[in-house]
Structure formats: C-alpha cells, structure tokens
Protein backbone atom coordinates (compact mmCIF):
# COMPACT_ATOMS: atom_id res chain seq x y z
CA MET A 1 -13.47 -21.89 9.48
CA PRO A 2 -10.88 -24.22 7.86
CA PHE A 3 -7.30 -23.82 9.04
CA ILE A 4 -3.85 -25.39 8.94
CA PRO A 5 -0.97 -24.96 11.41
CA CYS A 6 1.86 -22.59 10.59
CA SER A 7 5.03 -24.59 9.98
CA LEU A 8 7.17 -22.12 11.98
CA CYS A 9 5.10 -21.02 14.97
CA GLY A 10 2.21 -23.49 15.11
CA ARG A 11 -0.55 -20.84 14.96
CA LYS A 12 -3.82 -21.53 13.20
CA LEU A 13 -3.77 -20.18 9.66
CA GLU A 14 -7.25 -19.56 8.32
CA LYS A 15 -7.93 -20.33 4.69
CA ARG A 16 -8.22 -17.31 2.43
CA THR A 17 -9.26 -17.29 -1.21
CA SER A 18 -7.49 -15.36 -3.94
CA LYS A 19 -9.26 -13.41 -6.66
CA ARG A 20 -8.64 -16.47 -8.86
CA ARG A 21 -10.49 -18.59 -6.26
CA LYS A 22 -7.39 -20.45 -5.09
CA PRO A 23 -6.67 -21.09 -1.41
CA TYR A 24 -3.83 -19.40 0.42
CA PHE A 25 -2.70 -18.84 4.02
CA ILE A 26 -0.76 -16.06 5.75
CA CYS A 27 0.65 -16.14 9.28
CA ASP A 28 0.39 -12.67 10.77
CA GLY A 29 2.85 -13.63 13.51
CA CYS A 30 5.87 -14.74 11.50
CA GLY A 31 4.93 -13.74 7.96
CA VAL A 32 4.86 -17.19 6.37
CA GLN A 33 2.77 -17.33 3.22
CA LEU A 34 1.45 -20.53 1.69
CA PHE A 35 -0.22 -20.66 -1.71
CA VAL A 36 -1.91 -23.78 -3.10
CA ARG A 37 -2.05 -23.38 -6.87
CA ARG A 38 -2.35 -26.82 -8.45
CA LYS A 39 -5.49 -28.91 -8.71
CA GLN A 40 -4.02 -31.90 -6.87
CA GLY A 41 -2.92 -29.71 -3.94
CA ILE A 42 -6.32 -28.03 -3.74
CA GLU A 43 -8.03 -31.43 -3.72
CA LYS A 44 -5.75 -32.70 -0.92
CA LEU A 45 -6.40 -29.53 1.04
CA GLU A 46 -10.18 -29.97 0.69
CA GLN A 47 -9.85 -33.61 1.77
CA TYR A 48 -7.92 -32.42 4.81
CA PHE A 49 -10.63 -29.88 5.66
CA ARG A 50 -13.38 -32.48 5.34
CA SER A 51 -11.82 -34.19 8.34
CA ALA A 52 -11.17 -30.88 10.12
CA GLU A 53 -12.91 -31.84 13.34
CA LYS A 54 -10.64 -34.85 13.80
CA ALA A 55 -7.63 -32.81 12.72
CA ASP A 56 -8.47 -30.06 15.22
CA VAL A 57 -7.91 -32.42 18.16
CA HIS A 58 -4.55 -33.44 16.71
CA PHE A 59 -3.70 -29.78 15.98
CA ARG A 60 -4.45 -28.65 19.54
CA GLN A 61 -2.15 -31.31 20.97
CA HIS A 62 0.54 -30.48 18.41
CA ALA A 63 0.30 -26.76 19.25
CA LEU A 64 0.61 -27.45 22.98
CA ASN A 65 3.64 -29.67 22.40
CA PHE A 66 5.19 -27.14 20.06
CA HIS A 67 4.82 -24.28 22.54
CA GLU A 68 6.22 -26.37 25.38
CA ILE A 69 9.28 -27.26 23.27
CA GLN A 70 9.72 -23.58 22.38
CA ALA A 71 9.60 -22.65 26.08
CA ILE A 72 12.28 -25.21 26.98
CA LEU A 73 14.51 -24.10 24.09
CA LYS A 74 14.11 -20.45 25.10
CA GLU A 75 15.07 -21.30 28.67
CA ILE A 76 18.14 -23.20 27.42
CA ALA A 77 19.17 -20.20 25.32
CA ASP A 78 18.72 -17.86 28.30
CA VAL A 79 20.82 -20.06 30.58
CA LYS A 80 23.54 -20.37 27.91
CA ASN A 81 23.51 -16.59 27.56
CA GLU A 82 24.08 -16.16 31.30
CA PHE A 83 26.79 -18.81 31.21
CA ASP A 84 28.58 -16.95 28.40
CA LYS A 85 28.48 -13.70 30.38
CA LEU A 86 30.73 -15.17 33.08
CA ASP A 87 34.37 -14.24 32.65
CA SER A 88 35.98 -17.68 32.47
CA TRP A 89 39.55 -16.41 33.01
CA PHE A 90 39.09 -15.09 36.53
CA LEU A 91 36.59 -17.28 38.33
CA ASN A 92 36.39 -16.56 42.02
CA ASP A 93 34.43 -18.87 44.34
CA HIS A 94 31.23 -16.92 43.76
CA LYS A 95 31.47 -17.10 39.95
CA LEU A 96 32.50 -20.75 40.10
CA ARG A 97 29.36 -21.60 42.11
CA ILE A 98 27.22 -19.67 39.62
CA ARG A 99 28.90 -21.45 36.70
CA ASN A 100 28.31 -24.86 38.27
CA ALA A 101 24.67 -24.00 39.02
CA LEU A 102 24.14 -22.90 35.41
CA LYS A 103 25.72 -26.15 34.15
CA THR A 104 23.35 -28.12 36.37
CA CYS A 105 20.42 -26.07 35.13
CA LEU A 106 21.40 -26.74 31.50
CA GLU A 107 21.68 -30.48 32.10
CA THR A 108 18.26 -30.48 33.76
CA LEU A 109 16.75 -28.59 30.82
CA TYR A 110 18.31 -30.97 28.30
CA ARG A 111 16.98 -33.99 30.22
CA SER A 112 13.57 -32.32 30.37
CA LEU A 113 13.60 -31.82 26.60
CA GLU A 114 14.67 -35.43 26.02
CA ARG A 115 11.91 -36.75 28.32
CA PHE A 116 9.38 -34.53 26.57
CA ALA A 117 10.49 -35.85 23.18
CA GLU A 118 10.14 -39.44 24.37
CA ASP A 119 6.68 -38.81 25.86
CA THR A 120 5.20 -36.99 22.85
CA ARG A 121 5.53 -39.51 20.10
CA VAL A 122 2.91 -39.31 17.34
CA PRO A 123 -0.15 -41.24 18.52
CA THR A 124 -0.80 -44.44 16.64
CA HIS A 125 -4.56 -43.91 16.76
CA VAL A 126 -4.64 -40.89 14.40
CA PRO A 127 -7.26 -41.68 11.74
CA LYS A 128 -5.96 -42.06 8.20
CA SER A 129 -8.30 -39.31 7.03
CA VAL A 130 -6.32 -36.86 9.18
CA GLU A 131 -2.89 -37.83 7.84
CA MET A 132 -1.63 -36.16 4.68
C-alpha cells in the first residue's frame, strides 16, 4: 500500500482516494490532512510511489531518527520542568546538589542531541528517484 510520512509525527500515512478519485492522506495520530488536487502534484506523487520500495528504506531510517530526536527532546523538557520546580531563592545544600545534577543532565542531553544531529546527515547515496 502506498504511503508517505506524516510531517509532524513521522507515521506512515496510507494513500486514500476521494470520491473525485484524487489522493489524500490523514494522520489518525495528530490529525494532519493532506490533499493532492492538481495534476502536477498527483503525477509527482505517483512517481514517488513507483519508487516506493527504495523510499521505504529511507522512510524507516527517517522514522527511527525522528523518534529518537523526539525522545531526547522530551527528556530535555522533563529535566527543565524539574529544574523549574526548584525554589531558586532558598537553595539548601540538598537542593543545590539537585540543581547542579539537573544542569549536568541537561548539558549531557544537549551534547547527545548535537552528536545525533552530526551522525544522521542525509545519506549521499539516496537514489534520485526517491528524492522529490
């Protein structure tokens, strides 16, 4: 079944066909809707699907990368949330140690995200038929 990745969550969106025989996609997870209404767009979409097997390999890697980035960003947000909960006016030794540990954790997460970004550059061997 032909699919494209959701631009927000990375899920596979299966091609649907409207009553006017035009392709469209709906992401059940986040509610994104994509309608392809013009002839040129429909032709590009069909060209993309003709190379679907090659695109699927690229999609799987993209989805894995996307989910790993989301996990790191979620962890950063959680640590920041804990950091913000600390009362910064009256820091005793215990709270100061927690604050310093959270700062270290944030720095580690940021470095992890930067390393991930450096390691996941777009491969140069992606066939032209897969690119849009």
